[in-house]
């Protein structure tokens, strides 16, 4: 497995050790030196052996970290959190205070909690961590702590809720905990709004559909935003193209950006197939990867109606196509 990094205008291969076999591993970059690669981005089980690799030197060398990890996040004080699938129907939450050298078990959810999608941490309160998972029927389950892992609460919402597909993959969904405490999820749901965005203001107990597809259910890729969460962004893949959607009121209302040039017009491709989107708040930039031949990675900045697309595909090694695994190195 080869991971590539954009340095100035060149994509530099980062050599990894064996064990990361997925075509596009989940990538997590928490600062300029600490990188993590997780073996697969398909979170619903399957036969793939899960592995986590860590680098403490900006990808120059890699070593083993937590085995069986499905997703990870970093809290407001720098502690790493990870969710594992260690065997069929055996899932656990761990934390690390030394950048993944050692991991400590924090919680073993009850047997009904499985199929994790995301871990999300409050942007300023280190005590608040939330896991978006599902049960065996694809109904959402939210596992939360308000005391940094001393105790955990399991919530299974009813009524309008973000039900998911069991065979869905992680990069088609997004989950954030905002500074206000609001939960925001985006994705392709089996009930309720189908494709859309939903919010909860009571730690996942009740949900409100905020943005939905009127006639069809389209896939969404990525959910990023500012520290406060006032500005949020996602990409909708629809009608052979891709449309950036933005909210400037913490996910309550959404609008497609009125760009002077669409992504489809910029690339010149008849059909756009998105694989991932990452939003970088420091640069106010949206990075979108596609599997189209003409352009593999593009950037939109600023993420507003005045945004301009630019092509970042400079000499990406053909043996290492950019797909669903993508992260941005902090400025």
C-alpha atoms as a PDB file:
ATOM      1  CA  UNK A   1       0.000   0.000   0.000  1.00  0.00           C
ATOM      2  CA  UNK A   2       1.349   3.436  -0.971  1.00  0.00           C
ATOM      3  CA  UNK A   3       0.103   6.709   0.481  1.00  0.00           C
ATOM      4  CA  UNK A   4       0.900   9.908  -1.385  1.00  0.00           C
ATOM      5  CA  UNK A   5       1.275  13.459  -0.067  1.00  0.00           C
ATOM      6  CA  UNK A   6       1.004  16.749  -1.911  1.00  0.00           C
ATOM      7  CA  UNK A   7       4.138  18.813  -1.310  1.00  0.00           C
ATOM      8  CA  UNK A   8       4.097  22.108  -3.149  1.00  0.00           C
ATOM      9  CA  UNK A   9       3.129  20.870  -6.618  1.00  0.00           C
ATOM     10  CA  UNK A  10       4.310  17.250  -6.408  1.00  0.00           C
ATOM     11  CA  UNK A  11       2.634  14.181  -4.954  1.00  0.00           C
ATOM     12  CA  UNK A  12       5.259  12.383  -2.867  1.00  0.00           C
ATOM     13  CA  UNK A  13       4.885   8.643  -2.158  1.00  0.00           C
ATOM     14  CA  UNK A  14       4.923   7.766   1.551  1.00  0.00           C
ATOM     15  CA  UNK A  15       6.168   4.236   2.115  1.00  0.00           C
ATOM     16  CA  UNK A  16       4.184   2.218   4.644  1.00  0.00           C
ATOM     17  CA  UNK A  17       4.839  -1.087   6.331  1.00  0.00           C
ATOM     18  CA  UNK A  18       2.722  -4.085   5.426  1.00  0.00           C
ATOM     19  CA  UNK A  19      -0.761  -4.493   6.823  1.00  0.00           C
ATOM     20  CA  UNK A  20      -2.593  -1.631   5.119  1.00  0.00           C
ATOM     21  CA  UNK A  21      -4.076  -3.516   2.212  1.00  0.00           C
ATOM     22  CA  UNK A  22      -7.223  -1.565   1.368  1.00  0.00           C
ATOM     23  CA  UNK A  23      -7.167   0.334  -1.915  1.00  0.00           C
ATOM     24  CA  UNK A  24      -7.927   3.548  -0.042  1.00  0.00           C
ATOM     25  CA  UNK A  25      -7.266   3.461   3.681  1.00  0.00           C
ATOM     26  CA  UNK A  26      -8.955   5.884   6.047  1.00  0.00           C
ATOM     27  CA  UNK A  27      -6.425   8.639   6.762  1.00  0.00           C
ATOM     28  CA  UNK A  28      -6.266  10.813   9.882  1.00  0.00           C
ATOM     29  CA  UNK A  29      -3.785  13.680  10.144  1.00  0.00           C
ATOM     30  CA  UNK A  30      -3.889  15.528  13.457  1.00  0.00           C
ATOM     31  CA  UNK A  31      -0.891  17.846  13.111  1.00  0.00           C
ATOM     32  CA  UNK A  32       2.115  18.344  10.861  1.00  0.00           C
ATOM     33  CA  UNK A  33       3.861  15.180  12.033  1.00  0.00           C
ATOM     34  CA  UNK A  34       1.299  12.679  13.362  1.00  0.00           C
ATOM     35  CA  UNK A  35      -0.420  10.637  10.639  1.00  0.00           C
ATOM     36  CA  UNK A  36      -2.600   7.530  10.972  1.00  0.00           C
ATOM     37  CA  UNK A  37      -3.813   5.065   8.334  1.00  0.00           C
ATOM     38  CA  UNK A  38      -6.618   2.571   8.976  1.00  0.00           C
ATOM     39  CA  UNK A  39      -6.860  -0.498   6.794  1.00  0.00           C
ATOM     40  CA  UNK A  40     -10.367  -0.097   5.406  1.00  0.00           C
ATOM     41  CA  UNK A  41     -13.049   2.522   5.001  1.00  0.00           C
ATOM     42  CA  UNK A  42     -15.916   0.042   4.892  1.00  0.00           C
ATOM     43  CA  UNK A  43     -17.199  -0.002   8.431  1.00  0.00           C
ATOM     44  CA  UNK A  44     -19.913  -2.593   8.223  1.00  0.00           C
ATOM     45  CA  UNK A  45     -17.892  -5.691   8.993  1.00  0.00           C
ATOM     46  CA  UNK A  46     -16.717  -7.853   6.148  1.00  0.00           C
ATOM     47  CA  UNK A  47     -13.709 -10.133   6.010  1.00  0.00           C
ATOM     48  CA  UNK A  48     -10.965  -7.515   5.861  1.00  0.00           C
ATOM     49  CA  UNK A  49      -8.485  -7.641   8.733  1.00  0.00           C
ATOM     50  CA  UNK A  50      -8.399  -4.208  10.356  1.00  0.00           C
ATOM     51  CA  UNK A  51      -5.071  -2.564  11.096  1.00  0.00           C
ATOM     52  CA  UNK A  52      -3.887   0.861  12.202  1.00  0.00           C
ATOM     53  CA  UNK A  53      -0.491   2.286  11.281  1.00  0.00           C
ATOM     54  CA  UNK A  54       0.990   5.430  12.820  1.00  0.00           C
ATOM     55  CA  UNK A  55       3.677   7.844  11.736  1.00  0.00           C
ATOM     56  CA  UNK A  56       5.318  10.386  14.035  1.00  0.00           C
ATOM     57  CA  UNK A  57       7.546  11.882  11.328  1.00  0.00           C
ATOM     58  CA  UNK A  58       5.105  13.157   8.702  1.00  0.00           C
ATOM     59  CA  UNK A  59       4.850   9.817   6.938  1.00  0.00           C
ATOM     60  CA  UNK A  60       8.558   9.032   6.531  1.00  0.00           C
ATOM     61  CA  UNK A  61       8.258   5.874   8.629  1.00  0.00           C
ATOM     62  CA  UNK A  62       5.286   3.877   9.902  1.00  0.00           C
ATOM     63  CA  UNK A  63       4.714   1.478  12.800  1.00  0.00           C
ATOM     64  CA  UNK A  64       1.929  -0.654  14.206  1.00  0.00           C
ATOM     65  CA  UNK A  65      -0.637   0.925  16.484  1.00  0.00           C
ATOM     66  CA  UNK A  66      -4.083  -0.262  17.599  1.00  0.00           C
ATOM     67  CA  UNK A  67      -5.262  -3.451  15.886  1.00  0.00           C
ATOM     68  CA  UNK A  68      -8.870  -3.746  14.679  1.00  0.00           C
ATOM     69  CA  UNK A  69      -9.549   0.019  14.666  1.00  0.00           C
ATOM     70  CA  UNK A  70     -12.441   1.212  12.513  1.00  0.00           C
ATOM     71  CA  UNK A  71     -12.421   4.941  13.202  1.00  0.00           C
ATOM     72  CA  UNK A  72     -10.621   7.507  15.323  1.00  0.00           C
ATOM     73  CA  UNK A  73     -10.782  11.128  16.476  1.00  0.00           C
ATOM     74  CA  UNK A  74      -8.903  13.596  18.661  1.00  0.00           C
ATOM     75  CA  UNK A  75     -10.495  15.487  21.554  1.00  0.00           C
ATOM     76  CA  UNK A  76     -10.041  19.137  22.474  1.00  0.00           C
ATOM     77  CA  UNK A  77      -7.076  18.370  24.762  1.00  0.00           C
ATOM     78  CA  UNK A  78      -5.195  16.136  22.328  1.00  0.00           C
ATOM     79  CA  UNK A  79      -6.257  12.663  23.476  1.00  0.00           C
ATOM     80  CA  UNK A  80      -6.833  10.156  20.679  1.00  0.00           C
ATOM     81  CA  UNK A  81      -9.975   8.005  20.667  1.00  0.00           C
ATOM     82  CA  UNK A  82     -10.589   4.898  18.588  1.00  0.00           C
ATOM     83  CA  UNK A  83     -13.381   2.396  18.029  1.00  0.00           C
ATOM     84  CA  UNK A  84     -12.520  -1.220  17.267  1.00  0.00           C
ATOM     85  CA  UNK A  85     -14.188  -4.327  15.894  1.00  0.00           C
ATOM     86  CA  UNK A  86     -12.196  -7.106  17.545  1.00  0.00           C
ATOM     87  CA  UNK A  87     -14.445 -10.025  16.575  1.00  0.00           C
ATOM     88  CA  UNK A  88     -17.977 -10.635  15.390  1.00  0.00           C
ATOM     89  CA  UNK A  89     -20.257  -8.536  17.602  1.00  0.00           C
ATOM     90  CA  UNK A  90     -17.366  -7.412  19.814  1.00  0.00           C
ATOM     91  CA  UNK A  91     -16.750  -3.667  19.724  1.00  0.00           C
ATOM     92  CA  UNK A  92     -14.714  -1.434  22.070  1.00  0.00           C
ATOM     93  CA  UNK A  93     -13.660   2.187  22.612  1.00  0.00           C
ATOM     94  CA  UNK A  94     -10.023   2.985  23.439  1.00  0.00           C
ATOM     95  CA  UNK A  95      -7.977   6.129  24.102  1.00  0.00           C
ATOM     96  CA  UNK A  96      -4.307   7.060  23.816  1.00  0.00           C
ATOM     97  CA  UNK A  97      -2.377   9.883  25.479  1.00  0.00           C
ATOM     98  CA  UNK A  98       0.903   9.250  23.648  1.00  0.00           C
ATOM     99  CA  UNK A  99      -0.049   9.556  19.984  1.00  0.00           C
ATOM    100  CA  UNK A 100      -1.021   5.932  19.560  1.00  0.00           C
ATOM    101  CA  UNK A 101       2.011   4.249  21.114  1.00  0.00           C
ATOM    102  CA  UNK A 102      -0.190   2.782  23.868  1.00  0.00           C
ATOM    103  CA  UNK A 103      -3.960   2.402  24.089  1.00  0.00           C
ATOM    104  CA  UNK A 104      -6.243   2.056  27.134  1.00  0.00           C
ATOM    105  CA  UNK A 105      -9.692   0.463  27.058  1.00  0.00           C
ATOM    106  CA  UNK A 106     -12.360   3.003  28.000  1.00  0.00           C
ATOM    107  CA  UNK A 107     -15.645   1.215  27.289  1.00  0.00           C
ATOM    108  CA  UNK A 108     -17.143  -1.952  25.857  1.00  0.00           C
ATOM    109  CA  UNK A 109     -20.585  -1.133  24.421  1.00  0.00           C
ATOM    110  CA  UNK A 110     -23.390  -3.666  24.911  1.00  0.00           C
ATOM    111  CA  UNK A 111     -23.771  -6.413  22.331  1.00  0.00           C
ATOM    112  CA  UNK A 112     -26.454  -4.533  20.413  1.00  0.00           C
ATOM    113  CA  UNK A 113     -24.049  -1.734  19.435  1.00  0.00           C
ATOM    114  CA  UNK A 114     -22.082  -2.411  16.269  1.00  0.00           C
ATOM    115  CA  UNK A 115     -21.303  -1.173  12.770  1.00  0.00           C
ATOM    116  CA  UNK A 116     -19.603   2.081  13.717  1.00  0.00           C
ATOM    117  CA  UNK A 117     -19.634   5.045  11.373  1.00  0.00           C
ATOM    118  CA  UNK A 118     -17.870   7.844  13.222  1.00  0.00           C
ATOM    119  CA  UNK A 119     -16.315   9.002  16.442  1.00  0.00           C
ATOM    120  CA  UNK A 120     -16.710  12.747  16.955  1.00  0.00           C
ATOM    121  CA  UNK A 121     -15.295  14.991  19.673  1.00  0.00           C
ATOM    122  CA  UNK A 122     -16.568  18.333  20.912  1.00  0.00           C
ATOM    123  CA  UNK A 123     -14.307  21.038  19.421  1.00  0.00           C
ATOM    124  CA  UNK A 124     -13.611  22.855  22.723  1.00  0.00           C
ATOM    125  CA  UNK A 125     -14.861  20.617  25.576  1.00  0.00           C
ATOM    126  CA  UNK A 126     -12.488  17.689  26.026  1.00  0.00           C
ATOM    127  CA  UNK A 127     -15.034  15.764  28.102  1.00  0.00           C
ATOM    128  CA  UNK A 128     -17.577  15.258  25.306  1.00  0.00           C
ATOM    129  CA  UNK A 129     -17.047  12.378  22.874  1.00  0.00           C
ATOM    130  CA  UNK A 130     -19.739  10.687  20.785  1.00  0.00           C
ATOM    131  CA  UNK A 131     -19.865   7.515  18.701  1.00  0.00           C
ATOM    132  CA  UNK A 132     -22.383   7.111  15.874  1.00  0.00           C
ATOM    133  CA  UNK A 133     -23.033   3.396  15.431  1.00  0.00           C
ATOM    134  CA  UNK A 134     -25.954   1.162  14.468  1.00  0.00           C
ATOM    135  CA  UNK A 135     -27.665  -1.933  15.706  1.00  0.00           C
ATOM    136  CA  UNK A 136     -28.149  -5.120  13.660  1.00  0.00           C
ATOM    137  CA  UNK A 137     -31.254  -3.608  12.026  1.00  0.00           C
ATOM    138  CA  UNK A 138     -29.323  -0.503  10.867  1.00  0.00           C
ATOM    139  CA  UNK A 139     -31.091   1.734  13.397  1.00  0.00           C
ATOM    140  CA  UNK A 140     -28.782   4.430  14.801  1.00  0.00           C
ATOM    141  CA  UNK A 141     -27.193   4.100  18.219  1.00  0.00           C
ATOM    142  CA  UNK A 142     -25.299   6.968  19.856  1.00  0.00           C
ATOM    143  CA  UNK A 143     -22.756   6.195  22.564  1.00  0.00           C
ATOM    144  CA  UNK A 144     -21.711   9.330  24.429  1.00  0.00           C
ATOM    145  CA  UNK A 145     -19.620  10.490  27.362  1.00  0.00           C
ATOM    146  CA  UNK A 146     -19.722  13.862  29.101  1.00  0.00           C
ATOM    147  CA  UNK A 147     -16.831  13.099  31.474  1.00  0.00           C
ATOM    148  CA  UNK A 148     -14.078  12.035  29.075  1.00  0.00           C
ATOM    149  CA  UNK A 149     -14.816   8.356  29.244  1.00  0.00           C
ATOM    150  CA  UNK A 150     -15.452   7.844  32.955  1.00  0.00           C
ATOM    151  CA  UNK A 151     -19.031   6.860  32.111  1.00  0.00           C
ATOM    152  CA  UNK A 152     -20.896   6.261  28.862  1.00  0.00           C
ATOM    153  CA  UNK A 153     -24.550   6.502  27.805  1.00  0.00           C
ATOM    154  CA  UNK A 154     -26.175   4.483  25.019  1.00  0.00           C
ATOM    155  CA  UNK A 155     -29.089   6.137  23.190  1.00  0.00           C
ATOM    156  CA  UNK A 156     -31.284   4.531  20.521  1.00  0.00           C
ATOM    157  CA  UNK A 157     -33.520   7.235  19.012  1.00  0.00           C
ATOM    158  CA  UNK A 158     -36.960   6.534  17.601  1.00  0.00           C
ATOM    159  CA  UNK A 159     -39.207   8.362  15.160  1.00  0.00           C
ATOM    160  CA  UNK A 160     -37.338  10.468  12.630  1.00  0.00           C
ATOM    161  CA  UNK A 161     -33.756   9.256  12.828  1.00  0.00           C
ATOM    162  CA  UNK A 162     -30.692   8.631  10.631  1.00  0.00           C
ATOM    163  CA  UNK A 163     -31.239   4.964   9.725  1.00  0.00           C
ATOM    164  CA  UNK A 164     -28.397   3.725   7.537  1.00  0.00           C
ATOM    165  CA  UNK A 165     -27.690   0.962   5.070  1.00  0.00           C
ATOM    166  CA  UNK A 166     -25.736  -1.982   6.480  1.00  0.00           C
ATOM    167  CA  UNK A 167     -23.558  -2.200   3.385  1.00  0.00           C
ATOM    168  CA  UNK A 168     -22.797   1.505   3.298  1.00  0.00           C
ATOM    169  CA  UNK A 169     -19.269   2.810   3.547  1.00  0.00           C
ATOM    170  CA  UNK A 170     -17.929   5.429   5.860  1.00  0.00           C
ATOM    171  CA  UNK A 171     -17.003   8.071   3.317  1.00  0.00           C
ATOM    172  CA  UNK A 172     -20.664   8.376   2.269  1.00  0.00           C
ATOM    173  CA  UNK A 173     -21.567   9.742   5.710  1.00  0.00           C
ATOM    174  CA  UNK A 174     -20.523  12.547   8.019  1.00  0.00           C
ATOM    175  CA  UNK A 175     -20.887  13.260  11.749  1.00  0.00           C
ATOM    176  CA  UNK A 176     -19.902  16.313  13.781  1.00  0.00           C
ATOM    177  CA  UNK A 177     -20.441  17.530  17.332  1.00  0.00           C
ATOM    178  CA  UNK A 178     -20.711  21.324  17.243  1.00  0.00           C
ATOM    179  CA  UNK A 179     -19.592  23.812  19.881  1.00  0.00           C
ATOM    180  CA  UNK A 180     -23.230  24.263  20.919  1.00  0.00           C
ATOM    181  CA  UNK A 181     -23.477  20.513  21.568  1.00  0.00           C
ATOM    182  CA  UNK A 182     -25.607  19.920  18.472  1.00  0.00           C
ATOM    183  CA  UNK A 183     -25.075  16.657  16.580  1.00  0.00           C
ATOM    184  CA  UNK A 184     -25.081  16.913  12.781  1.00  0.00           C
ATOM    185  CA  UNK A 185     -25.133  13.872  10.477  1.00  0.00           C
ATOM    186  CA  UNK A 186     -25.175  13.681   6.696  1.00  0.00           C
ATOM    187  CA  UNK A 187     -25.628  10.707   4.446  1.00  0.00           C
ATOM    188  CA  UNK A 188     -27.914   8.349   2.593  1.00  0.00           C
ATOM    189  CA  UNK A 189     -30.643   7.100   4.920  1.00  0.00           C
ATOM    190  CA  UNK A 190     -33.153   4.271   4.606  1.00  0.00           C
ATOM    191  CA  UNK A 191     -35.984   6.200   6.254  1.00  0.00           C
ATOM    192  CA  UNK A 192     -36.949   9.776   6.944  1.00  0.00           C
ATOM    193  CA  UNK A 193     -35.204  12.237   4.612  1.00  0.00           C
ATOM    194  CA  UNK A 194     -33.373   9.565   2.579  1.00  0.00           C
ATOM    195  CA  UNK A 195     -30.441  11.586   1.265  1.00  0.00           C
ATOM    196  CA  UNK A 196     -29.908  14.607   3.471  1.00  0.00           C
ATOM    197  CA  UNK A 197     -28.698  16.224   6.678  1.00  0.00           C
ATOM    198  CA  UNK A 198     -30.201  15.773  10.147  1.00  0.00           C
ATOM    199  CA  UNK A 199     -29.517  17.438  13.502  1.00  0.00           C
ATOM    200  CA  UNK A 200     -30.074  16.618  17.164  1.00  0.00           C
ATOM    201  CA  UNK A 201     -29.914  19.048  20.073  1.00  0.00           C
ATOM    202  CA  UNK A 202     -30.315  16.446  22.836  1.00  0.00           C
ATOM    203  CA  UNK A 203     -27.317  14.133  22.303  1.00  0.00           C
ATOM    204  CA  UNK A 204     -29.029  11.990  19.704  1.00  0.00           C
ATOM    205  CA  UNK A 205     -32.383  11.354  21.380  1.00  0.00           C
ATOM    206  CA  UNK A 206     -34.526  13.214  18.835  1.00  0.00           C
ATOM    207  CA  UNK A 207     -33.694  14.280  15.285  1.00  0.00           C
ATOM    208  CA  UNK A 208     -34.828  16.899  12.777  1.00  0.00           C
ATOM    209  CA  UNK A 209     -34.381  16.621   9.007  1.00  0.00           C
ATOM    210  CA  UNK A 210     -32.720  19.824   7.820  1.00  0.00           C
ATOM    211  CA  UNK A 211     -31.874  19.275   4.149  1.00  0.00           C
ATOM    212  CA  UNK A 212     -33.399  16.579   1.967  1.00  0.00           C
ATOM    213  CA  UNK A 213     -33.508  15.526  -1.664  1.00  0.00           C
ATOM    214  CA  UNK A 214     -36.894  16.325  -3.132  1.00  0.00           C
ATOM    215  CA  UNK A 215     -37.166  13.631  -5.812  1.00  0.00           C
ATOM    216  CA  UNK A 216     -34.114  11.389  -5.542  1.00  0.00           C
ATOM    217  CA  UNK A 217     -31.758  10.206  -2.844  1.00  0.00           C
ATOM    218  CA  UNK A 218     -28.227  11.330  -3.618  1.00  0.00           C
ATOM    219  CA  UNK A 219     -24.965  10.427  -1.957  1.00  0.00           C
ATOM    220  CA  UNK A 220     -23.146  12.929   0.231  1.00  0.00           C
ATOM    221  CA  UNK A 221     -19.430  12.973   0.826  1.00  0.00           C
ATOM    222  CA  UNK A 222     -17.774  14.542   3.829  1.00  0.00           C
ATOM    223  CA  UNK A 223     -19.083  16.911   6.481  1.00  0.00           C
ATOM    224  CA  UNK A 224     -16.707  19.638   7.573  1.00  0.00           C
ATOM    225  CA  UNK A 225     -16.914  22.991   9.223  1.00  0.00           C
ATOM    226  CA  UNK A 226     -15.519  25.681  11.460  1.00  0.00           C
ATOM    227  CA  UNK A 227     -14.649  25.157  15.136  1.00  0.00           C
ATOM    228  CA  UNK A 228     -17.849  26.910  16.185  1.00  0.00           C
ATOM    229  CA  UNK A 229     -19.803  24.866  13.668  1.00  0.00           C
ATOM    230  CA  UNK A 230     -21.593  27.947  12.376  1.00  0.00           C
ATOM    231  CA  UNK A 231     -20.318  27.104   8.890  1.00  0.00           C
ATOM    232  CA  UNK A 232     -20.729  23.534   7.622  1.00  0.00           C
ATOM    233  CA  UNK A 233     -20.091  22.047   4.197  1.00  0.00           C
ATOM    234  CA  UNK A 234     -20.757  18.824   2.313  1.00  0.00           C
ATOM    235  CA  UNK A 235     -20.760  17.662  -1.322  1.00  0.00           C
ATOM    236  CA  UNK A 236     -23.792  16.111  -3.012  1.00  0.00           C
ATOM    237  CA  UNK A 237     -23.121  13.808  -5.966  1.00  0.00           C
ATOM    238  CA  UNK A 238     -26.170  14.189  -8.218  1.00  0.00           C
ATOM    239  CA  UNK A 239     -27.185  14.403 -11.875  1.00  0.00           C
ATOM    240  CA  UNK A 240     -23.700  13.442 -13.125  1.00  0.00           C
ATOM    241  CA  UNK A 241     -22.053  16.295 -11.273  1.00  0.00           C
ATOM    242  CA  UNK A 242     -21.182  17.376  -7.733  1.00  0.00           C
ATOM    243  CA  UNK A 243     -22.613  20.296  -5.828  1.00  0.00           C
ATOM    244  CA  UNK A 244     -21.128  21.882  -2.684  1.00  0.00           C
ATOM    245  CA  UNK A 245     -23.817  22.545  -0.078  1.00  0.00           C
ATOM    246  CA  UNK A 246     -23.142  24.986   2.760  1.00  0.00           C
ATOM    247  CA  UNK A 247     -24.876  25.976   5.971  1.00  0.00           C
ATOM    248  CA  UNK A 248     -23.992  29.163   7.855  1.00  0.00           C
ATOM    249  CA  UNK A 249     -26.355  28.566  10.795  1.00  0.00           C
ATOM    250  CA  UNK A 250     -24.997  25.356  12.328  1.00  0.00           C
ATOM    251  CA  UNK A 251     -26.849  23.048   9.972  1.00  0.00           C
ATOM    252  CA  UNK A 252     -30.359  24.462  10.320  1.00  0.00           C
ATOM    253  CA  UNK A 253     -30.636  25.623   6.708  1.00  0.00           C
ATOM    254  CA  UNK A 254     -28.614  24.626   3.658  1.00  0.00           C
ATOM    255  CA  UNK A 255     -28.035  26.027   0.169  1.00  0.00           C
ATOM    256  CA  UNK A 256     -26.055  24.899  -2.848  1.00  0.00           C
ATOM    257  CA  UNK A 257     -23.283  27.330  -3.666  1.00  0.00           C
ATOM    258  CA  UNK A 258     -24.019  29.612  -6.618  1.00  0.00           C
ATOM    259  CA  UNK A 259     -20.569  29.208  -8.161  1.00  0.00           C
ATOM    260  CA  UNK A 260     -19.633  30.919 -11.390  1.00  0.00           C
ATOM    261  CA  UNK A 261     -18.298  27.568 -12.640  1.00  0.00           C
ATOM    262  CA  UNK A 262     -19.602  24.138 -11.688  1.00  0.00           C
ATOM    263  CA  UNK A 263     -17.239  21.297 -10.902  1.00  0.00           C
ATOM    264  CA  UNK A 264     -18.429  19.500 -14.025  1.00  0.00           C
ATOM    265  CA  UNK A 265     -17.698  22.534 -16.189  1.00  0.00           C
ATOM    266  CA  UNK A 266     -14.285  22.965 -14.576  1.00  0.00           C
ATOM    267  CA  UNK A 267     -13.168  19.378 -15.169  1.00  0.00           C
ATOM    268  CA  UNK A 268     -14.830  18.997 -18.554  1.00  0.00           C
ATOM    269  CA  UNK A 269     -15.972  15.498 -17.616  1.00  0.00           C
ATOM    270  CA  UNK A 270     -19.403  14.346 -18.732  1.00  0.00           C
ATOM    271  CA  UNK A 271     -19.908  12.568 -15.420  1.00  0.00           C
ATOM    272  CA  UNK A 272     -18.457  13.345 -12.003  1.00  0.00           C
ATOM    273  CA  UNK A 273     -18.107  10.550  -9.454  1.00  0.00           C
ATOM    274  CA  UNK A 274     -17.012  11.851  -6.060  1.00  0.00           C
ATOM    275  CA  UNK A 275     -14.998   9.644  -3.720  1.00  0.00           C
ATOM    276  CA  UNK A 276     -14.258  11.971  -0.799  1.00  0.00           C
ATOM    277  CA  UNK A 277     -14.464  15.542   0.461  1.00  0.00           C
ATOM    278  CA  UNK A 278     -12.390  17.190   3.172  1.00  0.00           C
ATOM    279  CA  UNK A 279     -13.005  20.721   4.432  1.00  0.00           C
ATOM    280  CA  UNK A 280     -10.118  22.709   5.932  1.00  0.00           C
ATOM    281  CA  UNK A 281     -11.351  25.589   8.068  1.00  0.00           C
ATOM    282  CA  UNK A 282      -7.973  27.353   8.341  1.00  0.00           C
ATOM    283  CA  UNK A 283      -7.717  27.687   4.579  1.00  0.00           C
ATOM    284  CA  UNK A 284     -11.512  27.869   4.091  1.00  0.00           C
ATOM    285  CA  UNK A 285     -10.977  25.273   1.382  1.00  0.00           C
ATOM    286  CA  UNK A 286     -12.863  22.199   0.198  1.00  0.00           C
ATOM    287  CA  UNK A 287     -10.831  19.330  -1.281  1.00  0.00           C
ATOM    288  CA  UNK A 288     -12.726  16.858  -3.480  1.00  0.00           C
ATOM    289  CA  UNK A 289     -11.354  13.625  -4.911  1.00  0.00           C
ATOM    290  CA  UNK A 290     -12.989  11.898  -7.866  1.00  0.00           C
ATOM    291  CA  UNK A 291     -12.251   8.825  -9.933  1.00  0.00           C
ATOM    292  CA  UNK A 292     -12.560  10.705 -13.212  1.00  0.00           C
ATOM    293  CA  UNK A 293      -9.670  10.483 -15.633  1.00  0.00           C
ATOM    294  CA  UNK A 294      -9.188  14.194 -16.187  1.00  0.00           C
ATOM    295  CA  UNK A 295      -8.916  15.466 -12.633  1.00  0.00           C
ATOM    296  CA  UNK A 296      -8.377  13.388  -9.513  1.00  0.00           C
ATOM    297  CA  UNK A 297      -8.198  16.025  -6.764  1.00  0.00           C
ATOM    298  CA  UNK A 298      -9.626  19.536  -6.950  1.00  0.00           C
ATOM    299  CA  UNK A 299      -9.818  22.392  -4.477  1.00  0.00           C
ATOM    300  CA  UNK A 300     -12.509  25.030  -3.958  1.00  0.00           C
ATOM    301  CA  UNK A 301     -11.616  28.189  -2.089  1.00  0.00           C
ATOM    302  CA  UNK A 302     -13.169  30.115  -0.524  1.00  0.00           C
ATOM    303  CA  UNK A 303     -16.094  27.837   0.272  1.00  0.00           C
ATOM    304  CA  UNK A 304     -18.703  30.407  -0.687  1.00  0.00           C
ATOM    305  CA  UNK A 305     -20.506  31.661  -3.790  1.00  0.00           C
ATOM    306  CA  UNK A 306     -17.276  33.392  -4.830  1.00  0.00           C
ATOM    307  CA  UNK A 307     -15.285  30.152  -4.654  1.00  0.00           C
ATOM    308  CA  UNK A 308     -12.908  29.189  -7.458  1.00  0.00           C
ATOM    309  CA  UNK A 309     -11.883  25.640  -8.433  1.00  0.00           C
ATOM    310  CA  UNK A 310      -8.240  24.683  -8.909  1.00  0.00           C
ATOM    311  CA  UNK A 311      -6.668  21.420 -10.020  1.00  0.00           C
ATOM    312  CA  UNK A 312      -4.379  19.660  -7.545  1.00  0.00           C
ATOM    313  CA  UNK A 313      -3.567  16.654  -9.701  1.00  0.00           C
ATOM    314  CA  UNK A 314       0.151  17.156 -10.172  1.00  0.00           C
ATOM    315  CA  UNK A 315       1.960  13.903 -10.896  1.00  0.00           C
ATOM    316  CA  UNK A 316      -0.048  11.622  -8.623  1.00  0.00           C
ATOM    317  CA  UNK A 317       1.586   8.191  -9.023  1.00  0.00           C
ATOM    318  CA  UNK A 318      -0.612   6.026 -11.227  1.00  0.00           C
ATOM    319  CA  UNK A 319      -0.046   3.116  -8.853  1.00  0.00           C
ATOM    320  CA  UNK A 320      -1.608   5.102  -6.004  1.00  0.00           C
ATOM    321  CA  UNK A 321      -4.957   6.539  -7.136  1.00  0.00           C
ATOM    322  CA  UNK A 322      -6.687   8.923  -4.781  1.00  0.00           C
ATOM    323  CA  UNK A 323     -10.010   7.432  -3.746  1.00  0.00           C
ATOM    324  CA  UNK A 324     -11.955   7.605  -0.508  1.00  0.00           C
ATOM    325  CA  UNK A 325      -8.945   7.917   1.802  1.00  0.00           C
ATOM    326  CA  UNK A 326      -7.969  11.575   1.996  1.00  0.00           C
ATOM    327  CA  UNK A 327      -6.929  14.002   4.738  1.00  0.00           C
ATOM    328  CA  UNK A 328      -5.536  17.523   4.824  1.00  0.00           C
ATOM    329  CA  UNK A 329      -2.316  18.431   6.600  1.00  0.00           C
ATOM    330  CA  UNK A 330      -3.110  21.329   8.972  1.00  0.00           C
ATOM    331  CA  UNK A 331      -1.765  24.706   7.947  1.00  0.00           C
END
